[in-house]
Amino acid sequence: MKMDKDMGSILGPELTIDGNVSVDGSLLIYGTVNGNIESHGSVRTAKGSKVKGDIIGNEAHICGLVEGNLIIDGKIILGSESQLTGNLKSGTLVIEEGAKFAGTCDMAEYSTKQSASDE
């Protein structure tokens, strides 16, 4: 996976987090997260990474395994080796050939900011 020069935080391949993760910037995951992730930037999961929890953010590029819902303001990219089991809400969705997706998709104009104010 190409390194993003604006990537704020990186979770390495040998790291497992049991609990929720909140980050002000962007996040690149090579390891395992057992909990929800909230980012004010983009969330990228590398090939071989695992997330068991929801991902909330501005953009998402999924290349690993995700068991949870994606709630993204902008674009979601499901890479060719990604596996998503869960629902997604986003304005734009790109599914590359080979990606696996089991869930529902809501592409109405959606924003995590709207969701927070509705509650």
PDB file of N, CA and C in Angstrom:
ATOM      1  N   MET A   1       0.849  -1.176   0.000  1.00  0.00           N
ATOM      2  CA  MET A   1       0.000   0.000   0.000  1.00  0.00           C
ATOM      3  C   MET A   1       0.891   1.235   0.000  1.00  0.00           C
ATOM      4  N   LYS A   2       0.557   2.159  -0.845  1.00  0.00           N
ATOM      5  CA  LYS A   2       1.333   3.400  -0.950  1.00  0.00           C
ATOM      6  C   LYS A   2       1.156   4.235   0.314  1.00  0.00           C
ATOM      7  N   MET A   3       2.241   4.765   0.811  1.00  0.00           N
ATOM      8  CA  MET A   3       2.212   5.583   2.018  1.00  0.00           C
ATOM      9  C   MET A   3       1.707   6.982   1.688  1.00  0.00           C
ATOM     10  N   ASP A   4       0.762   7.446   2.472  1.00  0.00           N
ATOM     11  CA  ASP A   4       0.197   8.780   2.318  1.00  0.00           C
ATOM     12  C   ASP A   4       1.011   9.744   3.174  1.00  0.00           C
ATOM     13  N   LYS A   5       1.533  10.806   2.570  1.00  0.00           N
ATOM     14  CA  LYS A   5       2.366  11.742   3.328  1.00  0.00           C
ATOM     15  C   LYS A   5       1.579  12.468   4.416  1.00  0.00           C
ATOM     16  N   ASP A   6       0.246  12.480   4.316  1.00  0.00           N
ATOM     17  CA  ASP A   6      -0.578  13.130   5.319  1.00  0.00           C
ATOM     18  C   ASP A   6      -1.099  12.149   6.373  1.00  0.00           C
ATOM     19  N   MET A   7      -0.616  10.897   6.343  1.00  0.00           N
ATOM     20  CA  MET A   7      -1.081   9.892   7.288  1.00  0.00           C
ATOM     21  C   MET A   7      -0.581  10.260   8.680  1.00  0.00           C
ATOM     22  N   GLY A   8      -1.510  10.461   9.620  1.00  0.00           N
ATOM     23  CA  GLY A   8      -1.141  10.933  10.946  1.00  0.00           C
ATOM     24  C   GLY A   8      -0.678   9.839  11.888  1.00  0.00           C
ATOM     25  N   SER A   9      -1.372   8.698  11.911  1.00  0.00           N
ATOM     26  CA  SER A   9      -1.057   7.626  12.858  1.00  0.00           C
ATOM     27  C   SER A   9      -1.023   6.295  12.133  1.00  0.00           C
ATOM     28  N   ILE A  10      -0.102   5.436  12.580  1.00  0.00           N
ATOM     29  CA  ILE A  10       0.052   4.119  11.967  1.00  0.00           C
ATOM     30  C   ILE A  10       0.014   3.068  13.063  1.00  0.00           C
ATOM     31  N   LEU A  11      -0.836   2.037  12.890  1.00  0.00           N
ATOM     32  CA  LEU A  11      -0.874   0.891  13.787  1.00  0.00           C
ATOM     33  C   LEU A  11      -0.145  -0.245  13.086  1.00  0.00           C
ATOM     34  N   GLY A  12       0.997  -0.641  13.607  1.00  0.00           N
ATOM     35  CA  GLY A  12       1.860  -1.625  12.971  1.00  0.00           C
ATOM     36  C   GLY A  12       1.285  -3.024  12.932  1.00  0.00           C
ATOM     37  N   PRO A  13       1.883  -3.904  12.112  1.00  0.00           N
ATOM     38  CA  PRO A  13       1.358  -5.257  11.896  1.00  0.00           C
ATOM     39  C   PRO A  13       1.402  -6.146  13.141  1.00  0.00           C
ATOM     40  N   GLU A  14       2.250  -5.833  14.088  1.00  0.00           N
ATOM     41  CA  GLU A  14       2.355  -6.660  15.285  1.00  0.00           C
ATOM     42  C   GLU A  14       1.509  -6.124  16.430  1.00  0.00           C
ATOM     43  N   LEU A  15       0.718  -5.083  16.165  1.00  0.00           N
ATOM     44  CA  LEU A  15      -0.065  -4.421  17.203  1.00  0.00           C
ATOM     45  C   LEU A  15      -1.514  -4.885  17.176  1.00  0.00           C
ATOM     46  N   THR A  16      -2.044  -5.262  18.358  1.00  0.00           N
ATOM     47  CA  THR A  16      -3.461  -5.577  18.522  1.00  0.00           C
ATOM     48  C   THR A  16      -4.016  -4.631  19.575  1.00  0.00           C
ATOM     49  N   ILE A  17      -5.100  -3.956  19.231  1.00  0.00           N
ATOM     50  CA  ILE A  17      -5.764  -3.046  20.167  1.00  0.00           C
ATOM     51  C   ILE A  17      -7.129  -3.626  20.501  1.00  0.00           C
ATOM     52  N   ASP A  18      -7.386  -3.825  21.790  1.00  0.00           N
ATOM     53  CA  ASP A  18      -8.695  -4.265  22.272  1.00  0.00           C
ATOM     54  C   ASP A  18      -9.350  -3.063  22.935  1.00  0.00           C
ATOM     55  N   GLY A  19     -10.183  -2.364  22.179  1.00  0.00           N
ATOM     56  CA  GLY A  19     -10.829  -1.148  22.664  1.00  0.00           C
ATOM     57  C   GLY A  19     -11.018  -0.178  21.519  1.00  0.00           C
ATOM     58  N   ASN A  20     -11.739   0.881  21.773  1.00  0.00           N
ATOM     59  CA  ASN A  20     -12.030   1.866  20.735  1.00  0.00           C
ATOM     60  C   ASN A  20     -10.825   2.758  20.456  1.00  0.00           C
ATOM     61  N   VAL A  21     -10.738   3.226  19.204  1.00  0.00           N
ATOM     62  CA  VAL A  21      -9.657   4.103  18.776  1.00  0.00           C
ATOM     63  C   VAL A  21     -10.276   5.398  18.260  1.00  0.00           C
ATOM     64  N   SER A  22      -9.755   6.533  18.737  1.00  0.00           N
ATOM     65  CA  SER A  22     -10.195   7.836  18.264  1.00  0.00           C
ATOM     66  C   SER A  22      -8.962   8.629  17.867  1.00  0.00           C
ATOM     67  N   VAL A  23      -8.989   9.203  16.660  1.00  0.00           N
ATOM     68  CA  VAL A  23      -7.827   9.928  16.168  1.00  0.00           C
ATOM     69  C   VAL A  23      -8.292  11.212  15.485  1.00  0.00           C
ATOM     70  N   ASP A  24      -7.585  12.312  15.732  1.00  0.00           N
ATOM     71  CA  ASP A  24      -7.942  13.594  15.124  1.00  0.00           C
ATOM     72  C   ASP A  24      -7.608  13.635  13.641  1.00  0.00           C
ATOM     73  N   GLY A  25      -6.540  12.968  13.238  1.00  0.00           N
ATOM     74  CA  GLY A  25      -6.119  12.981  11.842  1.00  0.00           C
ATOM     75  C   GLY A  25      -6.474  11.685  11.146  1.00  0.00           C
ATOM     76  N   SER A  26      -5.589  11.266  10.253  1.00  0.00           N
ATOM     77  CA  SER A  26      -5.803  10.052   9.485  1.00  0.00           C
ATOM     78  C   SER A  26      -5.130   8.866  10.165  1.00  0.00           C
ATOM     79  N   LEU A  27      -5.556   7.652   9.789  1.00  0.00           N
ATOM     80  CA  LEU A  27      -5.079   6.442  10.429  1.00  0.00           C
ATOM     81  C   LEU A  27      -4.815   5.364   9.388  1.00  0.00           C
ATOM     82  N   LEU A  28      -3.660   4.708   9.495  1.00  0.00           N
ATOM     83  CA  LEU A  28      -3.298   3.581   8.641  1.00  0.00           C
ATOM     84  C   LEU A  28      -3.135   2.366   9.541  1.00  0.00           C
ATOM     85  N   ILE A  29      -3.860   1.288   9.224  1.00  0.00           N
ATOM     86  CA  ILE A  29      -3.875   0.097  10.075  1.00  0.00           C
ATOM     87  C   ILE A  29      -3.239  -1.072   9.335  1.00  0.00           C
ATOM     88  N   TYR A  30      -2.186  -1.615   9.931  1.00  0.00           N
ATOM     89  CA  TYR A  30      -1.571  -2.848   9.453  1.00  0.00           C
ATOM     90  C   TYR A  30      -1.902  -4.006  10.387  1.00  0.00           C
ATOM     91  N   GLY A  31      -2.258  -3.712  11.622  1.00  0.00           N
ATOM     92  CA  GLY A  31      -2.491  -4.723  12.648  1.00  0.00           C
ATOM     93  C   GLY A  31      -3.959  -5.040  12.838  1.00  0.00           C
ATOM     94  N   THR A  32      -4.349  -5.262  14.113  1.00  0.00           N
ATOM     95  CA  THR A  32      -5.703  -5.691  14.466  1.00  0.00           C
ATOM     96  C   THR A  32      -6.316  -4.708  15.452  1.00  0.00           C
ATOM     97  N   VAL A  33      -7.567  -4.332  15.197  1.00  0.00           N
ATOM     98  CA  VAL A  33      -8.325  -3.496  16.125  1.00  0.00           C
ATOM     99  C   VAL A  33      -9.624  -4.212  16.453  1.00  0.00           C
ATOM    100  N   ASN A  34      -9.830  -4.509  17.738  1.00  0.00           N
ATOM    101  CA  ASN A  34     -11.082  -5.081  18.223  1.00  0.00           C
ATOM    102  C   ASN A  34     -11.829  -3.985  18.958  1.00  0.00           C
ATOM    103  N   GLY A  35     -12.513  -3.155  18.206  1.00  0.00           N
ATOM    104  CA  GLY A  35     -13.231  -2.008  18.755  1.00  0.00           C
ATOM    105  C   GLY A  35     -13.562  -1.040  17.644  1.00  0.00           C
ATOM    106  N   ASN A  36     -14.309  -0.018  17.964  1.00  0.00           N
ATOM    107  CA  ASN A  36     -14.712   0.981  16.977  1.00  0.00           C
ATOM    108  C   ASN A  36     -13.587   1.972  16.716  1.00  0.00           C
ATOM    109  N   ILE A  37     -13.578   2.517  15.504  1.00  0.00           N
ATOM    110  CA  ILE A  37     -12.576   3.502  15.112  1.00  0.00           C
ATOM    111  C   ILE A  37     -13.298   4.767  14.676  1.00  0.00           C
ATOM    112  N   GLU A  38     -12.888   5.905  15.227  1.00  0.00           N
ATOM    113  CA  GLU A  38     -13.432   7.193  14.808  1.00  0.00           C
ATOM    114  C   GLU A  38     -12.268   8.097  14.430  1.00  0.00           C
ATOM    115  N   SER A  39     -12.329   8.629  13.213  1.00  0.00           N
ATOM    116  CA  SER A  39     -11.255   9.469  12.695  1.00  0.00           C
ATOM    117  C   SER A  39     -11.847  10.719  12.068  1.00  0.00           C
ATOM    118  N   HIS A  40     -11.149  11.849  12.255  1.00  0.00           N
ATOM    119  CA  HIS A  40     -11.559  13.090  11.598  1.00  0.00           C
ATOM    120  C   HIS A  40     -10.866  13.228  10.243  1.00  0.00           C
ATOM    121  N   GLY A  41     -10.138  12.208   9.848  1.00  0.00           N
ATOM    122  CA  GLY A  41      -9.465  12.166   8.548  1.00  0.00           C
ATOM    123  C   GLY A  41      -9.846  10.884   7.836  1.00  0.00           C
ATOM    124  N   SER A  42      -8.883  10.306   7.126  1.00  0.00           N
ATOM    125  CA  SER A  42      -9.151   9.058   6.408  1.00  0.00           C
ATOM    126  C   SER A  42      -8.694   7.873   7.236  1.00  0.00           C
ATOM    127  N   VAL A  43      -9.329   6.733   6.990  1.00  0.00           N
ATOM    128  CA  VAL A  43      -8.938   5.470   7.620  1.00  0.00           C
ATOM    129  C   VAL A  43      -8.579   4.513   6.494  1.00  0.00           C
ATOM    130  N   ARG A  44      -7.366   3.960   6.569  1.00  0.00           N
ATOM    131  CA  ARG A  44      -6.911   2.985   5.580  1.00  0.00           C
ATOM    132  C   ARG A  44      -6.545   1.706   6.305  1.00  0.00           C
ATOM    133  N   THR A  45      -7.002   0.583   5.766  1.00  0.00           N
ATOM    134  CA  THR A  45      -6.610  -0.714   6.316  1.00  0.00           C
ATOM    135  C   THR A  45      -5.792  -1.433   5.259  1.00  0.00           C
ATOM    136  N   ALA A  46      -4.646  -1.937   5.660  1.00  0.00           N
ATOM    137  CA  ALA A  46      -3.733  -2.612   4.735  1.00  0.00           C
ATOM    138  C   ALA A  46      -4.109  -4.083   4.575  1.00  0.00           C
ATOM    139  N   LYS A  47      -3.594  -4.695   3.539  1.00  0.00           N
ATOM    140  CA  LYS A  47      -3.771  -6.125   3.321  1.00  0.00           C
ATOM    141  C   LYS A  47      -3.260  -6.865   4.552  1.00  0.00           C
ATOM    142  N   GLY A  48      -4.041  -7.797   5.074  1.00  0.00           N
ATOM    143  CA  GLY A  48      -3.657  -8.560   6.251  1.00  0.00           C
ATOM    144  C   GLY A  48      -4.137  -7.958   7.557  1.00  0.00           C
ATOM    145  N   SER A  49      -4.664  -6.737   7.530  1.00  0.00           N
ATOM    146  CA  SER A  49      -5.174  -6.101   8.752  1.00  0.00           C
ATOM    147  C   SER A  49      -6.573  -6.629   9.067  1.00  0.00           C
ATOM    148  N   LYS A  50      -6.975  -6.473  10.344  1.00  0.00           N
ATOM    149  CA  LYS A  50      -8.298  -6.921  10.784  1.00  0.00           C
ATOM    150  C   LYS A  50      -8.912  -5.862  11.686  1.00  0.00           C
ATOM    151  N   VAL A  51     -10.169  -5.524  11.403  1.00  0.00           N
ATOM    152  CA  VAL A  51     -10.925  -4.616  12.261  1.00  0.00           C
ATOM    153  C   VAL A  51     -12.245  -5.290  12.590  1.00  0.00           C
ATOM    154  N   LYS A  52     -12.514  -5.446  13.890  1.00  0.00           N
ATOM    155  CA  LYS A  52     -13.803  -5.968  14.338  1.00  0.00           C
ATOM    156  C   LYS A  52     -14.477  -4.853  15.110  1.00  0.00           C
ATOM    157  N   GLY A  53     -15.199  -4.014  14.386  1.00  0.00           N
ATOM    158  CA  GLY A  53     -15.866  -2.853  14.959  1.00  0.00           C
ATOM    159  C   GLY A  53     -16.242  -1.885  13.852  1.00  0.00           C
ATOM    160  N   ASP A  54     -16.969  -0.857  14.200  1.00  0.00           N
ATOM    161  CA  ASP A  54     -17.407   0.140  13.223  1.00  0.00           C
ATOM    162  C   ASP A  54     -16.279   1.130  12.931  1.00  0.00           C
ATOM    163  N   ILE A  55     -16.302   1.669  11.709  1.00  0.00           N
ATOM    164  CA  ILE A  55     -15.348   2.697  11.312  1.00  0.00           C
ATOM    165  C   ILE A  55     -16.136   3.941  10.914  1.00  0.00           C
ATOM    166  N   ILE A  56     -15.830   5.057  11.562  1.00  0.00           N
ATOM    167  CA  ILE A  56     -16.480   6.335  11.271  1.00  0.00           C
ATOM    168  C   ILE A  56     -15.384   7.323  10.883  1.00  0.00           C
ATOM    169  N   GLY A  57     -15.556   8.000   9.742  1.00  0.00           N
ATOM    170  CA  GLY A  57     -14.532   8.947   9.317  1.00  0.00           C
ATOM    171  C   GLY A  57     -14.924   9.708   8.075  1.00  0.00           C
ATOM    172  N   ASN A  58     -13.954  10.438   7.528  1.00  0.00           N
ATOM    173  CA  ASN A  58     -14.191  11.237   6.327  1.00  0.00           C
ATOM    174  C   ASN A  58     -14.030  10.424   5.047  1.00  0.00           C
ATOM    175  N   GLU A  59     -13.041   9.527   5.030  1.00  0.00           N
ATOM    176  CA  GLU A  59     -12.795   8.659   3.882  1.00  0.00           C
ATOM    177  C   GLU A  59     -12.297   7.323   4.404  1.00  0.00           C
ATOM    178  N   ALA A  60     -12.487   6.266   3.604  1.00  0.00           N
ATOM    179  CA  ALA A  60     -11.973   4.952   3.987  1.00  0.00           C
ATOM    180  C   ALA A  60     -11.481   4.222   2.751  1.00  0.00           C
ATOM    181  N   HIS A  61     -10.320   3.585   2.902  1.00  0.00           N
ATOM    182  CA  HIS A  61      -9.763   2.718   1.854  1.00  0.00           C
ATOM    183  C   HIS A  61      -9.476   1.390   2.539  1.00  0.00           C
ATOM    184  N   ILE A  62     -10.283   0.387   2.228  1.00  0.00           N
ATOM    185  CA  ILE A  62     -10.221  -0.896   2.916  1.00  0.00           C
ATOM    186  C   ILE A  62      -9.510  -1.912   2.029  1.00  0.00           C
ATOM    187  N   CYS A  63      -8.441  -2.499   2.562  1.00  0.00           N
ATOM    188  CA  CYS A  63      -7.708  -3.547   1.846  1.00  0.00           C
ATOM    189  C   CYS A  63      -7.603  -4.817   2.676  1.00  0.00           C
ATOM    190  N   GLY A  64      -8.090  -4.796   3.907  1.00  0.00           N
ATOM    191  CA  GLY A  64      -8.031  -5.949   4.792  1.00  0.00           C
ATOM    192  C   GLY A  64      -9.423  -6.442   5.133  1.00  0.00           C
ATOM    193  N   LEU A  65      -9.551  -7.078   6.300  1.00  0.00           N
ATOM    194  CA  LEU A  65     -10.809  -7.636   6.782  1.00  0.00           C
ATOM    195  C   LEU A  65     -11.473  -6.648   7.730  1.00  0.00           C
ATOM    196  N   VAL A  66     -12.747  -6.358   7.502  1.00  0.00           N
ATOM    197  CA  VAL A  66     -13.523  -5.513   8.414  1.00  0.00           C
ATOM    198  C   VAL A  66     -14.829  -6.227   8.719  1.00  0.00           C
ATOM    199  N   GLU A  67     -15.083  -6.437  10.014  1.00  0.00           N
ATOM    200  CA  GLU A  67     -16.360  -6.972  10.478  1.00  0.00           C
ATOM    201  C   GLU A  67     -17.017  -5.872  11.294  1.00  0.00           C
ATOM    202  N   GLY A  68     -17.822  -5.060  10.630  1.00  0.00           N
ATOM    203  CA  GLY A  68     -18.462  -3.919  11.276  1.00  0.00           C
ATOM    204  C   GLY A  68     -18.996  -2.983  10.212  1.00  0.00           C
ATOM    205  N   ASN A  69     -19.619  -1.921  10.637  1.00  0.00           N
ATOM    206  CA  ASN A  69     -20.226  -0.959   9.729  1.00  0.00           C
ATOM    207  C   ASN A  69     -19.247   0.165   9.393  1.00  0.00           C
ATOM    208  N   LEU A  70     -19.363   0.684   8.174  1.00  0.00           N
ATOM    209  CA  LEU A  70     -18.589   1.847   7.746  1.00  0.00           C
ATOM    210  C   LEU A  70     -19.543   3.019   7.610  1.00  0.00           C
ATOM    211  N   ILE A  71     -19.249   4.106   8.306  1.00  0.00           N
ATOM    212  CA  ILE A  71     -20.048   5.330   8.223  1.00  0.00           C
ATOM    213  C   ILE A  71     -19.072   6.433   7.838  1.00  0.00           C
ATOM    214  N   ILE A  72     -19.094   6.784   6.559  1.00  0.00           N
ATOM    215  CA  ILE A  72     -18.058   7.643   5.992  1.00  0.00           C
ATOM    216  C   ILE A  72     -18.703   8.844   5.292  1.00  0.00           C
ATOM    217  N   ASP A  73     -18.197  10.043   5.567  1.00  0.00           N
ATOM    218  CA  ASP A  73     -18.722  11.264   4.943  1.00  0.00           C
ATOM    219  C   ASP A  73     -18.438  11.302   3.442  1.00  0.00           C
ATOM    220  N   GLY A  74     -17.253  10.915   3.040  1.00  0.00           N
ATOM    221  CA  GLY A  74     -16.834  11.032   1.641  1.00  0.00           C
ATOM    222  C   GLY A  74     -16.872   9.713   0.909  1.00  0.00           C
ATOM    223  N   LYS A  75     -15.694   9.270   0.460  1.00  0.00           N
ATOM    224  CA  LYS A  75     -15.590   8.095  -0.399  1.00  0.00           C
ATOM    225  C   LYS A  75     -15.088   6.877   0.359  1.00  0.00           C
ATOM    226  N   ILE A  76     -15.689   5.725   0.029  1.00  0.00           N
ATOM    227  CA  ILE A  76     -15.205   4.431   0.501  1.00  0.00           C
ATOM    228  C   ILE A  76     -14.656   3.687  -0.703  1.00  0.00           C
ATOM    229  N   ILE A  77     -13.444   3.148  -0.557  1.00  0.00           N
ATOM    230  CA  ILE A  77     -12.877   2.266  -1.579  1.00  0.00           C
ATOM    231  C   ILE A  77     -12.700   0.906  -0.938  1.00  0.00           C
ATOM    232  N   LEU A  78     -13.329  -0.110  -1.545  1.00  0.00           N
ATOM    233  CA  LEU A  78     -13.106  -1.492  -1.132  1.00  0.00           C
ATOM    234  C   LEU A  78     -12.098  -2.073  -2.108  1.00  0.00           C
ATOM    235  N   GLY A  79     -10.862  -2.272  -1.637  1.00  0.00           N
ATOM    236  CA  GLY A  79      -9.781  -2.763  -2.485  1.00  0.00           C
ATOM    237  C   GLY A  79     -10.007  -4.193  -2.931  1.00  0.00           C
ATOM    238  N   SER A  80      -9.226  -4.626  -3.889  1.00  0.00           N
ATOM    239  CA  SER A  80      -9.417  -5.928  -4.533  1.00  0.00           C
ATOM    240  C   SER A  80      -9.286  -7.111  -3.578  1.00  0.00           C
ATOM    241  N   GLU A  81      -8.603  -6.935  -2.449  1.00  0.00           N
ATOM    242  CA  GLU A  81      -8.448  -8.037  -1.493  1.00  0.00           C
ATOM    243  C   GLU A  81      -9.187  -7.772  -0.189  1.00  0.00           C
ATOM    244  N   SER A  82     -10.072  -6.787  -0.191  1.00  0.00           N
ATOM    245  CA  SER A  82     -10.820  -6.450   1.019  1.00  0.00           C
ATOM    246  C   SER A  82     -11.961  -7.429   1.251  1.00  0.00           C
ATOM    247  N   GLN A  83     -12.332  -7.549   2.541  1.00  0.00           N
ATOM    248  CA  GLN A  83     -13.491  -8.337   2.940  1.00  0.00           C
ATOM    249  C   GLN A  83     -14.260  -7.520   3.965  1.00  0.00           C
ATOM    250  N   LEU A  84     -15.460  -7.094   3.605  1.00  0.00           N
ATOM    251  CA  LEU A  84     -16.305  -6.303   4.499  1.00  0.00           C
ATOM    252  C   LEU A  84     -17.568  -7.079   4.815  1.00  0.00           C
ATOM    253  N   THR A  85     -17.788  -7.339   6.097  1.00  0.00           N
ATOM    254  CA  THR A  85     -19.042  -7.920   6.559  1.00  0.00           C
ATOM    255  C   THR A  85     -19.683  -6.872   7.455  1.00  0.00           C
ATOM    256  N   GLY A  86     -20.653  -6.166   6.907  1.00  0.00           N
ATOM    257  CA  GLY A  86     -21.306  -5.082   7.630  1.00  0.00           C
ATOM    258  C   GLY A  86     -21.935  -4.121   6.649  1.00  0.00           C
ATOM    259  N   ASN A  87     -22.640  -3.172   7.168  1.00  0.00           N
ATOM    260  CA  ASN A  87     -23.334  -2.187   6.342  1.00  0.00           C
ATOM    261  C   ASN A  87     -22.453  -0.960   6.133  1.00  0.00           C
ATOM    262  N   LEU A  88     -22.739  -0.242   5.055  1.00  0.00           N
ATOM    263  CA  LEU A  88     -21.986   0.987   4.838  1.00  0.00           C
ATOM    264  C   LEU A  88     -22.905   2.120   4.452  1.00  0.00           C
ATOM    265  N   LYS A  89     -22.498   3.321   4.890  1.00  0.00           N
ATOM    266  CA  LYS A  89     -23.181   4.569   4.540  1.00  0.00           C
ATOM    267  C   LYS A  89     -22.109   5.515   4.045  1.00  0.00           C
ATOM    268  N   SER A  90     -22.315   6.026   2.838  1.00  0.00           N
ATOM    269  CA  SER A  90     -21.313   6.898   2.238  1.00  0.00           C
ATOM    270  C   SER A  90     -21.915   7.629   1.059  1.00  0.00           C
ATOM    271  N   GLY A  91     -21.275   8.719   0.674  1.00  0.00           N
ATOM    272  CA  GLY A  91     -21.701   9.442  -0.512  1.00  0.00           C
ATOM    273  C   GLY A  91     -21.183   8.802  -1.791  1.00  0.00           C
ATOM    274  N   THR A  92     -20.006   8.186  -1.739  1.00  0.00           N
ATOM    275  CA  THR A  92     -19.380   7.581  -2.919  1.00  0.00           C
ATOM    276  C   THR A  92     -18.803   6.232  -2.531  1.00  0.00           C
ATOM    277  N   LEU A  93     -19.004   5.242  -3.402  1.00  0.00           N
ATOM    278  CA  LEU A  93     -18.485   3.903  -3.148  1.00  0.00           C
ATOM    279  C   LEU A  93     -17.781   3.378  -4.386  1.00  0.00           C
ATOM    280  N   VAL A  94     -16.552   2.871  -4.194  1.00  0.00           N
ATOM    281  CA  VAL A  94     -15.804   2.224  -5.260  1.00  0.00           C
ATOM    282  C   VAL A  94     -15.504   0.800  -4.793  1.00  0.00           C
ATOM    283  N   ILE A  95     -15.932  -0.188  -5.582  1.00  0.00           N
ATOM    284  CA  ILE A  95     -15.646  -1.586  -5.266  1.00  0.00           C
ATOM    285  C   ILE A  95     -14.765  -2.145  -6.367  1.00  0.00           C
ATOM    286  N   GLU A  96     -13.525  -2.479  -6.011  1.00  0.00           N
ATOM    287  CA  GLU A  96     -12.596  -3.034  -6.984  1.00  0.00           C
ATOM    288  C   GLU A  96     -12.892  -4.515  -7.211  1.00  0.00           C
ATOM    289  N   GLU A  97     -12.554  -4.994  -8.392  1.00  0.00           N
ATOM    290  CA  GLU A  97     -12.755  -6.396  -8.736  1.00  0.00           C
ATOM    291  C   GLU A  97     -12.020  -7.275  -7.734  1.00  0.00           C
ATOM    292  N   GLY A  98     -12.727  -8.259  -7.190  1.00  0.00           N
ATOM    293  CA  GLY A  98     -12.142  -9.170  -6.217  1.00  0.00           C
ATOM    294  C   GLY A  98     -12.547  -8.860  -4.786  1.00  0.00           C
ATOM    295  N   ALA A  99     -13.062  -7.661  -4.521  1.00  0.00           N
ATOM    296  CA  ALA A  99     -13.495  -7.293  -3.165  1.00  0.00           C
ATOM    297  C   ALA A  99     -14.704  -8.133  -2.772  1.00  0.00           C
ATOM    298  N   LYS A 100     -14.804  -8.433  -1.479  1.00  0.00           N
ATOM    299  CA  LYS A 100     -15.946  -9.185  -0.954  1.00  0.00           C
ATOM    300  C   LYS A 100     -16.713  -8.268  -0.003  1.00  0.00           C
ATOM    301  N   PHE A 101     -18.044  -8.194  -0.201  1.00  0.00           N
ATOM    302  CA  PHE A 101     -18.892  -7.304   0.584  1.00  0.00           C
ATOM    303  C   PHE A 101     -20.192  -8.014   0.893  1.00  0.00           C
ATOM    304  N   ALA A 102     -20.500  -8.179   2.193  1.00  0.00           N
ATOM    305  CA  ALA A 102     -21.765  -8.774   2.636  1.00  0.00           C
ATOM    306  C   ALA A 102     -22.429  -7.778   3.574  1.00  0.00           C
ATOM    307  N   GLY A 103     -23.485  -7.138   3.101  1.00  0.00           N
ATOM    308  CA  GLY A 103     -24.188  -6.143   3.906  1.00  0.00           C
ATOM    309  C   GLY A 103     -25.042  -5.273   3.022  1.00  0.00           C
ATOM    310  N   THR A 104     -25.528  -4.187   3.582  1.00  0.00           N
ATOM    311  CA  THR A 104     -26.330  -3.246   2.806  1.00  0.00           C
ATOM    312  C   THR A 104     -25.552  -1.955   2.607  1.00  0.00           C
ATOM    313  N   CYS A 105     -25.972  -1.225   1.582  1.00  0.00           N
ATOM    314  CA  CYS A 105     -25.287   0.016   1.219  1.00  0.00           C
ATOM    315  C   CYS A 105     -26.315   1.142   1.149  1.00  0.00           C
ATOM    316  N   ASP A 106     -26.044   2.245   1.843  1.00  0.00           N
ATOM    317  CA  ASP A 106     -26.887   3.436   1.795  1.00  0.00           C
ATOM    318  C   ASP A 106     -26.031   4.578   1.267  1.00  0.00           C
ATOM    319  N   MET A 107     -26.337   5.021   0.050  1.00  0.00           N
ATOM    320  CA  MET A 107     -25.546   6.085  -0.562  1.00  0.00           C
ATOM    321  C   MET A 107     -26.331   7.387  -0.682  1.00  0.00           C
ATOM    322  N   ALA A 108     -27.371   7.532   0.127  1.00  0.00           N
ATOM    323  CA  ALA A 108     -28.063   8.814   0.172  1.00  0.00           C
ATOM    324  C   ALA A 108     -27.082   9.825   0.734  1.00  0.00           C
ATOM    325  N   GLU A 109     -27.353  11.092   0.531  1.00  0.00           N
ATOM    326  CA  GLU A 109     -26.432  12.105   1.073  1.00  0.00           C
ATOM    327  C   GLU A 109     -26.368  11.907   2.573  1.00  0.00           C
ATOM    328  N   TYR A 110     -25.227  11.427   3.008  1.00  0.00           N
ATOM    329  CA  TYR A 110     -25.057  11.051   4.395  1.00  0.00           C
ATOM    330  C   TYR A 110     -23.848  11.748   4.976  1.00  0.00           C
ATOM    331  N   SER A 111     -23.958  12.136   6.221  1.00  0.00           N
ATOM    332  CA  SER A 111     -22.840  12.782   6.900  1.00  0.00           C
ATOM    333  C   SER A 111     -22.830  12.336   8.351  1.00  0.00           C
ATOM    334  N   THR A 112     -21.656  12.037   8.899  1.00  0.00           N
ATOM    335  CA  THR A 112     -21.560  11.692  10.309  1.00  0.00           C
ATOM    336  C   THR A 112     -21.966  12.885  11.170  1.00  0.00           C
ATOM    337  N   LYS A 113     -21.813  14.087  10.640  1.00  0.00           N
ATOM    338  CA  LYS A 113     -22.238  15.283  11.382  1.00  0.00           C
ATOM    339  C   LYS A 113     -23.756  15.319  11.499  1.00  0.00           C
ATOM    340  N   GLN A 114     -24.485  14.927  10.423  1.00  0.00           N
ATOM    341  CA  GLN A 114     -25.936  14.851  10.481  1.00  0.00           C
ATOM    342  C   GLN A 114     -26.348  13.794  11.489  1.00  0.00           C
ATOM    343  N   SER A 115     -25.684  12.639  11.458  1.00  0.00           N
ATOM    344  CA  SER A 115     -26.024  11.534  12.334  1.00  0.00           C
ATOM    345  C   SER A 115     -25.907  11.940  13.796  1.00  0.00           C
ATOM    346  N   ALA A 116     -24.851  12.639  14.147  1.00  0.00           N
ATOM    347  CA  ALA A 116     -24.640  13.072  15.520  1.00  0.00           C
ATOM    348  C   ALA A 116     -25.715  14.054  15.967  1.00  0.00           C
ATOM    349  N   SER A 117     -26.138  14.946  15.073  1.00  0.00           N
ATOM    350  CA  SER A 117     -27.152  15.933  15.448  1.00  0.00           C
ATOM    351  C   SER A 117     -28.560  15.344  15.496  1.00  0.00           C
ATOM    352  N   ASP A 118     -28.779  14.206  14.805  1.00  0.00           N
ATOM    353  CA  ASP A 118     -30.084  13.558  14.813  1.00  0.00           C
ATOM    354  C   ASP A 118     -30.362  12.825  16.111  1.00  0.00           C
ATOM    355  N   GLU A 119     -29.318  12.495  16.849  1.00  0.00           N
ATOM    356  CA  GLU A 119     -29.485  11.671  18.070  1.00  0.00           C
ATOM    357  C   GLU A 119     -29.861  12.513  19.247  1.00  0.00           C
TER     358      GLU A 119
END
